[in-house]
PDB file of N, CA and C in Angstrom:
ATOM      1  N   MET A   1       4.208  13.649   0.198  1.00  0.00           N
ATOM      2  CA  MET A   1       4.326  15.059  -0.452  1.00  0.00           C
ATOM      3  C   MET A   1       2.912  15.454  -1.138  1.00  0.00           C
ATOM      4  N   PHE A   2       2.417  14.514  -1.655  1.00  0.00           N
ATOM      5  CA  PHE A   2       1.540  14.805  -2.827  1.00  0.00           C
ATOM      6  C   PHE A   2      -0.016  15.400  -2.152  1.00  0.00           C
ATOM      7  N   GLU A   3       0.095  14.881  -0.907  1.00  0.00           N
ATOM      8  CA  GLU A   3      -1.331  15.238   0.194  1.00  0.00           C
ATOM      9  C   GLU A   3      -1.402  16.861  -0.021  1.00  0.00           C
ATOM     10  N   ASP A   4      -0.048  17.209   0.261  1.00  0.00           N
ATOM     11  CA  ASP A   4      -0.091  19.067  -0.062  1.00  0.00           C
ATOM     12  C   ASP A   4      -0.153  19.505  -1.148  1.00  0.00           C
ATOM     13  N   ARG A   5      -0.078  18.884  -2.109  1.00  0.00           N
ATOM     14  CA  ARG A   5       0.150  19.508  -3.470  1.00  0.00           C
ATOM     15  C   ARG A   5      -1.227  19.127  -4.649  1.00  0.00           C
ATOM     16  N   ILE A   6      -2.001  18.144  -4.394  1.00  0.00           N
ATOM     17  CA  ILE A   6      -3.081  17.254  -5.108  1.00  0.00           C
ATOM     18  C   ILE A   6      -4.235  17.451  -4.392  1.00  0.00           C
ATOM     19  N   ILE A   7      -5.136  18.023  -5.070  1.00  0.00           N
ATOM     20  CA  ILE A   7      -6.590  18.212  -4.393  1.00  0.00           C
ATOM     21  C   ILE A   7      -7.719  17.666  -5.224  1.00  0.00           C
ATOM     22  N   ILE A   8      -8.629  17.228  -4.619  1.00  0.00           N
ATOM     23  CA  ILE A   8      -9.771  16.682  -5.234  1.00  0.00           C
ATOM     24  C   ILE A   8     -11.140  17.321  -4.965  1.00  0.00           C
ATOM     25  N   ASP A   9     -11.640  18.335  -5.794  1.00  0.00           N
ATOM     26  CA  ASP A   9     -12.778  19.086  -5.551  1.00  0.00           C
ATOM     27  C   ASP A   9     -13.768  18.604  -6.229  1.00  0.00           C
ATOM     28  N   PRO A  10     -15.174  18.270  -6.118  1.00  0.00           N
ATOM     29  CA  PRO A  10     -15.927  18.292  -7.189  1.00  0.00           C
ATOM     30  C   PRO A  10     -16.536  19.349  -8.021  1.00  0.00           C
ATOM     31  N   GLU A  11     -16.014  20.437  -7.419  1.00  0.00           N
ATOM     32  CA  GLU A  11     -16.258  21.741  -8.322  1.00  0.00           C
ATOM     33  C   GLU A  11     -15.266  22.256  -9.329  1.00  0.00           C
ATOM     34  N   ILE A  12     -14.014  21.501  -9.445  1.00  0.00           N
ATOM     35  CA  ILE A  12     -13.068  21.612  -9.999  1.00  0.00           C
ATOM     36  C   ILE A  12     -12.760  20.317 -11.083  1.00  0.00           C
ATOM     37  N   ARG A  13     -12.973  20.689 -12.550  1.00  0.00           N
ATOM     38  CA  ARG A  13     -12.702  19.531 -13.522  1.00  0.00           C
ATOM     39  C   ARG A  13     -13.542  18.302 -13.074  1.00  0.00           C
ATOM     40  N   HIS A  14     -14.486  18.530 -12.480  1.00  0.00           N
ATOM     41  CA  HIS A  14     -15.659  17.141 -12.220  1.00  0.00           C
ATOM     42  C   HIS A  14     -15.090  16.500 -11.195  1.00  0.00           C
ATOM     43  N   GLY A  15     -14.011  16.774 -10.224  1.00  0.00           N
ATOM     44  CA  GLY A  15     -13.286  16.035  -9.168  1.00  0.00           C
ATOM     45  C   GLY A  15     -12.374  15.222  -9.674  1.00  0.00           C
ATOM     46  N   LYS A  16     -11.951  15.567 -10.326  1.00  0.00           N
ATOM     47  CA  LYS A  16     -10.382  15.044 -11.094  1.00  0.00           C
ATOM     48  C   LYS A  16      -9.357  15.403 -10.100  1.00  0.00           C
ATOM     49  N   PRO A  17      -8.500  14.702  -9.859  1.00  0.00           N
ATOM     50  CA  PRO A  17      -7.181  15.154  -9.164  1.00  0.00           C
ATOM     51  C   PRO A  17      -6.646  16.345  -9.853  1.00  0.00           C
ATOM     52  N   VAL A  18      -6.167  17.479  -9.332  1.00  0.00           N
ATOM     53  CA  VAL A  18      -5.603  18.461  -9.883  1.00  0.00           C
ATOM     54  C   VAL A  18      -4.546  19.238  -8.811  1.00  0.00           C
ATOM     55  N   ILE A  19      -3.495  19.562  -9.490  1.00  0.00           N
ATOM     56  CA  ILE A  19      -2.855  20.544  -8.818  1.00  0.00           C
ATOM     57  C   ILE A  19      -2.920  21.668  -8.001  1.00  0.00           C
ATOM     58  N   ARG A  20      -2.956  21.763  -6.496  1.00  0.00           N
ATOM     59  CA  ARG A  20      -3.490  22.529  -5.797  1.00  0.00           C
ATOM     60  C   ARG A  20      -3.458  24.115  -6.210  1.00  0.00           C
ATOM     61  N   ASP A  21      -4.252  24.980  -6.351  1.00  0.00           N
ATOM     62  CA  ASP A  21      -4.425  26.294  -6.499  1.00  0.00           C
ATOM     63  C   ASP A  21      -4.108  26.573  -8.214  1.00  0.00           C
ATOM     64  N   THR A  22      -4.607  25.435  -8.900  1.00  0.00           N
ATOM     65  CA  THR A  22      -4.362  25.401 -10.297  1.00  0.00           C
ATOM     66  C   THR A  22      -5.888  24.411 -10.825  1.00  0.00           C
ATOM     67  N   ARG A  23      -5.838  24.538 -12.145  1.00  0.00           N
ATOM     68  CA  ARG A  23      -6.740  23.707 -12.362  1.00  0.00           C
ATOM     69  C   ARG A  23      -6.275  22.575 -13.628  1.00  0.00           C
ATOM     70  N   VAL A  24      -4.951  22.141 -13.298  1.00  0.00           N
ATOM     71  CA  VAL A  24      -3.931  21.456 -14.307  1.00  0.00           C
ATOM     72  C   VAL A  24      -4.392  19.819 -13.306  1.00  0.00           C
ATOM     73  N   PRO A  25      -4.965  18.954 -14.318  1.00  0.00           N
ATOM     74  CA  PRO A  25      -4.949  17.572 -13.741  1.00  0.00           C
ATOM     75  C   PRO A  25      -3.987  17.031 -13.841  1.00  0.00           C
ATOM     76  N   VAL A  26      -3.994  15.998 -12.831  1.00  0.00           N
ATOM     77  CA  VAL A  26      -2.684  15.353 -12.536  1.00  0.00           C
ATOM     78  C   VAL A  26      -2.541  14.017 -13.938  1.00  0.00           C
ATOM     79  N   GLU A  27      -3.572  13.912 -14.524  1.00  0.00           N
ATOM     80  CA  GLU A  27      -3.393  12.958 -15.609  1.00  0.00           C
ATOM     81  C   GLU A  27      -2.961  13.639 -17.065  1.00  0.00           C
ATOM     82  N   ILE A  28      -2.951  14.945 -17.116  1.00  0.00           N
ATOM     83  CA  ILE A  28      -2.163  15.930 -18.102  1.00  0.00           C
ATOM     84  C   ILE A  28      -0.916  15.836 -17.851  1.00  0.00           C
ATOM     85  N   ILE A  29      -0.435  15.874 -16.641  1.00  0.00           N
ATOM     86  CA  ILE A  29       0.949  15.427 -16.355  1.00  0.00           C
ATOM     87  C   ILE A  29       1.714  14.399 -16.274  1.00  0.00           C
ATOM     88  N   LEU A  30       0.978  13.664 -16.211  1.00  0.00           N
ATOM     89  CA  LEU A  30       1.419  11.888 -16.255  1.00  0.00           C
ATOM     90  C   LEU A  30       1.367  11.746 -17.793  1.00  0.00           C
ATOM     91  N   GLY A  31       0.521  12.239 -18.394  1.00  0.00           N
ATOM     92  CA  GLY A  31       0.281  12.177 -20.156  1.00  0.00           C
ATOM     93  C   GLY A  31       1.614  12.698 -20.767  1.00  0.00           C
ATOM     94  N   SER A  32       1.792  14.029 -20.267  1.00  0.00           N
ATOM     95  CA  SER A  32       3.152  14.798 -20.738  1.00  0.00           C
ATOM     96  C   SER A  32       4.301  13.868 -20.379  1.00  0.00           C
ATOM     97  N   LEU A  33       4.238  13.472 -19.288  1.00  0.00           N
ATOM     98  CA  LEU A  33       5.839  12.621 -18.903  1.00  0.00           C
ATOM     99  C   LEU A  33       5.698  11.293 -19.770  1.00  0.00           C
ATOM    100  N   ALA A  34       4.737  10.784 -19.998  1.00  0.00           N
ATOM    101  CA  ALA A  34       4.682   9.105 -20.906  1.00  0.00           C
ATOM    102  C   ALA A  34       4.774   9.877 -22.564  1.00  0.00           C
ATOM    103  N   GLY A  35       4.623  11.057 -22.871  1.00  0.00           N
ATOM    104  CA  GLY A  35       5.088  11.518 -23.970  1.00  0.00           C
ATOM    105  C   GLY A  35       6.264  12.185 -24.331  1.00  0.00           C
ATOM    106  N   GLY A  36       7.119  11.886 -23.303  1.00  0.00           N
ATOM    107  CA  GLY A  36       8.324  12.222 -23.280  1.00  0.00           C
ATOM    108  C   GLY A  36       8.729  13.817 -22.811  1.00  0.00           C
ATOM    109  N   MET A  37       7.728  14.375 -22.389  1.00  0.00           N
ATOM    110  CA  MET A  37       8.332  15.644 -21.923  1.00  0.00           C
ATOM    111  C   MET A  37       9.230  15.537 -20.453  1.00  0.00           C
ATOM    112  N   GLU A  38      10.072  16.757 -20.400  1.00  0.00           N
ATOM    113  CA  GLU A  38      10.529  16.484 -19.422  1.00  0.00           C
ATOM    114  C   GLU A  38      10.051  17.233 -18.311  1.00  0.00           C
ATOM    115  N   MET A  39      10.312  17.222 -16.882  1.00  0.00           N
ATOM    116  CA  MET A  39       9.617  17.757 -15.854  1.00  0.00           C
ATOM    117  C   MET A  39       9.805  19.361 -15.955  1.00  0.00           C
ATOM    118  N   GLU A  40      11.077  19.765 -16.429  1.00  0.00           N
ATOM    119  CA  GLU A  40      11.006  21.125 -16.328  1.00  0.00           C
ATOM    120  C   GLU A  40      10.334  21.651 -17.684  1.00  0.00           C
ATOM    121  N   GLU A  41      10.035  21.176 -18.589  1.00  0.00           N
ATOM    122  CA  GLU A  41       9.104  21.425 -19.531  1.00  0.00           C
ATOM    123  C   GLU A  41       7.604  21.672 -19.442  1.00  0.00           C
ATOM    124  N   ILE A  42       7.460  20.380 -18.373  1.00  0.00           N
ATOM    125  CA  ILE A  42       5.792  20.539 -17.918  1.00  0.00           C
ATOM    126  C   ILE A  42       5.620  21.704 -16.992  1.00  0.00           C
ATOM    127  N   ALA A  43       6.431  22.027 -16.266  1.00  0.00           N
ATOM    128  CA  ALA A  43       6.009  22.712 -15.069  1.00  0.00           C
ATOM    129  C   ALA A  43       6.218  24.106 -15.819  1.00  0.00           C
ATOM    130  N   LYS A  44       6.814  24.488 -16.688  1.00  0.00           N
ATOM    131  CA  LYS A  44       7.015  25.433 -17.747  1.00  0.00           C
ATOM    132  C   LYS A  44       5.616  25.736 -18.317  1.00  0.00           C
ATOM    133  N   GLU A  45       5.140  24.551 -18.970  1.00  0.00           N
ATOM    134  CA  GLU A  45       4.083  24.814 -20.021  1.00  0.00           C
ATOM    135  C   GLU A  45       2.826  24.989 -19.267  1.00  0.00           C
ATOM    136  N   TYR A  46       2.985  24.545 -17.899  1.00  0.00           N
ATOM    137  CA  TYR A  46       1.416  24.513 -17.237  1.00  0.00           C
ATOM    138  C   TYR A  46       1.567  25.543 -16.129  1.00  0.00           C
ATOM    139  N   GLY A  47       2.631  26.113 -16.066  1.00  0.00           N
ATOM    140  CA  GLY A  47       3.017  27.088 -14.834  1.00  0.00           C
ATOM    141  C   GLY A  47       2.434  26.444 -13.283  1.00  0.00           C
ATOM    142  N   ILE A  48       3.232  25.358 -13.349  1.00  0.00           N
ATOM    143  CA  ILE A  48       3.512  24.646 -12.347  1.00  0.00           C
ATOM    144  C   ILE A  48       4.898  24.613 -11.747  1.00  0.00           C
ATOM    145  N   GLY A  49       5.066  23.855 -10.400  1.00  0.00           N
ATOM    146  CA  GLY A  49       6.522  23.746 -10.013  1.00  0.00           C
ATOM    147  C   GLY A  49       6.857  22.385 -10.255  1.00  0.00           C
ATOM    148  N   LYS A  50       8.272  22.071 -10.254  1.00  0.00           N
ATOM    149  CA  LYS A  50       8.839  20.817 -10.206  1.00  0.00           C
ATOM    150  C   LYS A  50       8.157  19.630  -9.395  1.00  0.00           C
ATOM    151  N   ILE A  51       8.075  20.232  -8.221  1.00  0.00           N
ATOM    152  CA  ILE A  51       7.356  19.568  -7.046  1.00  0.00           C
ATOM    153  C   ILE A  51       6.276  19.036  -7.202  1.00  0.00           C
ATOM    154  N   ASP A  52       5.121  19.932  -8.188  1.00  0.00           N
ATOM    155  CA  ASP A  52       4.030  19.656  -8.311  1.00  0.00           C
ATOM    156  C   ASP A  52       4.284  18.161  -9.370  1.00  0.00           C
ATOM    157  N   VAL A  53       5.200  18.365 -10.132  1.00  0.00           N
ATOM    158  CA  VAL A  53       5.220  17.242 -11.316  1.00  0.00           C
ATOM    159  C   VAL A  53       5.410  15.812 -10.625  1.00  0.00           C
ATOM    160  N   LEU A  54       6.601  16.214  -9.551  1.00  0.00           N
ATOM    161  CA  LEU A  54       6.708  14.932  -8.701  1.00  0.00           C
ATOM    162  C   LEU A  54       5.508  14.633  -7.686  1.00  0.00           C
ATOM    163  N   ALA A  55       4.884  15.374  -6.930  1.00  0.00           N
ATOM    164  CA  ALA A  55       3.682  15.156  -6.417  1.00  0.00           C
ATOM    165  C   ALA A  55       2.510  14.153  -7.572  1.00  0.00           C
ATOM    166  N   ALA A  56       2.657  14.678  -8.868  1.00  0.00           N
ATOM    167  CA  ALA A  56       1.719  13.836  -9.557  1.00  0.00           C
ATOM    168  C   ALA A  56       2.127  12.378  -9.620  1.00  0.00           C
ATOM    169  N   ILE A  57       3.472  12.175  -9.642  1.00  0.00           N
ATOM    170  CA  ILE A  57       3.928  10.889  -9.787  1.00  0.00           C
ATOM    171  C   ILE A  57       3.784  10.247  -8.790  1.00  0.00           C
ATOM    172  N   GLU A  58       4.137  10.818  -7.661  1.00  0.00           N
ATOM    173  CA  GLU A  58       3.754  10.149  -6.300  1.00  0.00           C
ATOM    174  C   GLU A  58       2.246   9.753  -6.064  1.00  0.00           C
ATOM    175  N   TYR A  59       1.304  10.474  -6.395  1.00  0.00           N
ATOM    176  CA  TYR A  59      -0.017  10.163  -6.501  1.00  0.00           C
ATOM    177  C   TYR A  59      -0.511   9.181  -7.283  1.00  0.00           C
ATOM    178  N   ALA A  60       0.156   9.004  -8.710  1.00  0.00           N
ATOM    179  CA  ALA A  60      -0.301   7.742  -9.239  1.00  0.00           C
ATOM    180  C   ALA A  60       0.570   6.748  -8.711  1.00  0.00           C
ATOM    181  N   ALA A  61       1.761   6.899  -8.321  1.00  0.00           N
ATOM    182  CA  ALA A  61       2.168   5.380  -7.454  1.00  0.00           C
ATOM    183  C   ALA A  61       1.372   4.964  -6.635  1.00  0.00           C
ATOM    184  N   LYS A  62       1.082   5.848  -5.954  1.00  0.00           N
ATOM    185  CA  LYS A  62       0.181   5.017  -4.624  1.00  0.00           C
ATOM    186  C   LYS A  62      -0.953   4.654  -5.026  1.00  0.00           C
ATOM    187  N   ILE A  63      -1.733   5.329  -6.076  1.00  0.00           N
ATOM    188  CA  ILE A  63      -3.055   4.690  -6.730  1.00  0.00           C
ATOM    189  C   ILE A  63      -2.804   3.152  -7.193  1.00  0.00           C
ATOM    190  N   VAL A  64      -1.631   3.049  -8.121  1.00  0.00           N
ATOM    191  CA  VAL A  64      -1.261   1.550  -8.624  1.00  0.00           C
ATOM    192  C   VAL A  64      -0.915   0.735  -7.805  1.00  0.00           C
ATOM    193  N   ALA A  65      -0.247   1.205  -6.487  1.00  0.00           N
ATOM    194  CA  ALA A  65       0.346   0.234  -5.641  1.00  0.00           C
ATOM    195  C   ALA A  65      -1.185  -0.299  -4.597  1.00  0.00           C
ATOM    196  N   LYS A  66      -2.207   0.380  -4.831  1.00  0.00           N
ATOM    197  CA  LYS A  66      -3.367  -0.160  -3.906  1.00  0.00           C
ATOM    198  C   LYS A  66      -4.057  -1.087  -4.971  1.00  0.00           C
ATOM    199  N   GLU A  67      -3.733  -1.239  -6.196  1.00  0.00           N
ATOM    200  CA  GLU A  67      -4.722  -2.059  -7.156  1.00  0.00           C
ATOM    201  C   GLU A  67      -4.244  -3.357  -6.994  1.00  0.00           C
ATOM    202  N   GLU A  68      -5.368  -4.277  -6.941  1.00  0.00           N
ATOM    203  CA  GLU A  68      -5.192  -5.882  -6.912  1.00  0.00           C
ATOM    204  C   GLU A  68      -5.230  -5.982  -8.205  1.00  0.00           C
ATOM    205  N   ILE A  69      -4.281  -7.177  -8.424  1.00  0.00           N
ATOM    206  CA  ILE A  69      -4.085  -8.018  -9.662  1.00  0.00           C
ATOM    207  C   ILE A  69      -4.725  -9.389  -9.466  1.00  0.00           C
ATOM    208  N   MET A  70      -5.528  -9.426 -10.411  1.00  0.00           N
ATOM    209  CA  MET A  70      -6.549 -10.841 -10.473  1.00  0.00           C
ATOM    210  C   MET A  70      -5.710 -11.722 -11.404  1.00  0.00           C
ATOM    211  N   VAL A  71      -5.184 -12.706 -11.198  1.00  0.00           N
ATOM    212  CA  VAL A  71      -4.709 -13.867 -11.919  1.00  0.00           C
ATOM    213  C   VAL A  71      -5.634 -15.048 -12.306  1.00  0.00           C
ATOM    214  N   TYR A  72      -5.836 -15.391 -13.526  1.00  0.00           N
ATOM    215  CA  TYR A  72      -6.586 -16.384 -13.702  1.00  0.00           C
ATOM    216  C   TYR A  72      -5.902 -17.249 -14.649  1.00  0.00           C
ATOM    217  N   GLY A  73      -6.165 -18.656 -14.111  1.00  0.00           N
ATOM    218  CA  GLY A  73      -5.232 -19.481 -15.046  1.00  0.00           C
ATOM    219  C   GLY A  73      -5.713 -20.637 -14.918  1.00  0.00           C
TER     220      GLY A  73
END
């Protein structure tokens, strides 16, 4: 789903991932969620849809899933 909603364009927000057709960065959405805002509040605050909030979460999950964990012992 996020592939349709999240774009990375060097001309928009220095290439940070944003919601398509907006300048709303994924990091702002995730930070708002982490701060306790509800999806509906975020959508209203930034003029995006609930699906855009879900796309931001999915995007972040895909990034984290690709991380490699280094365990030193």
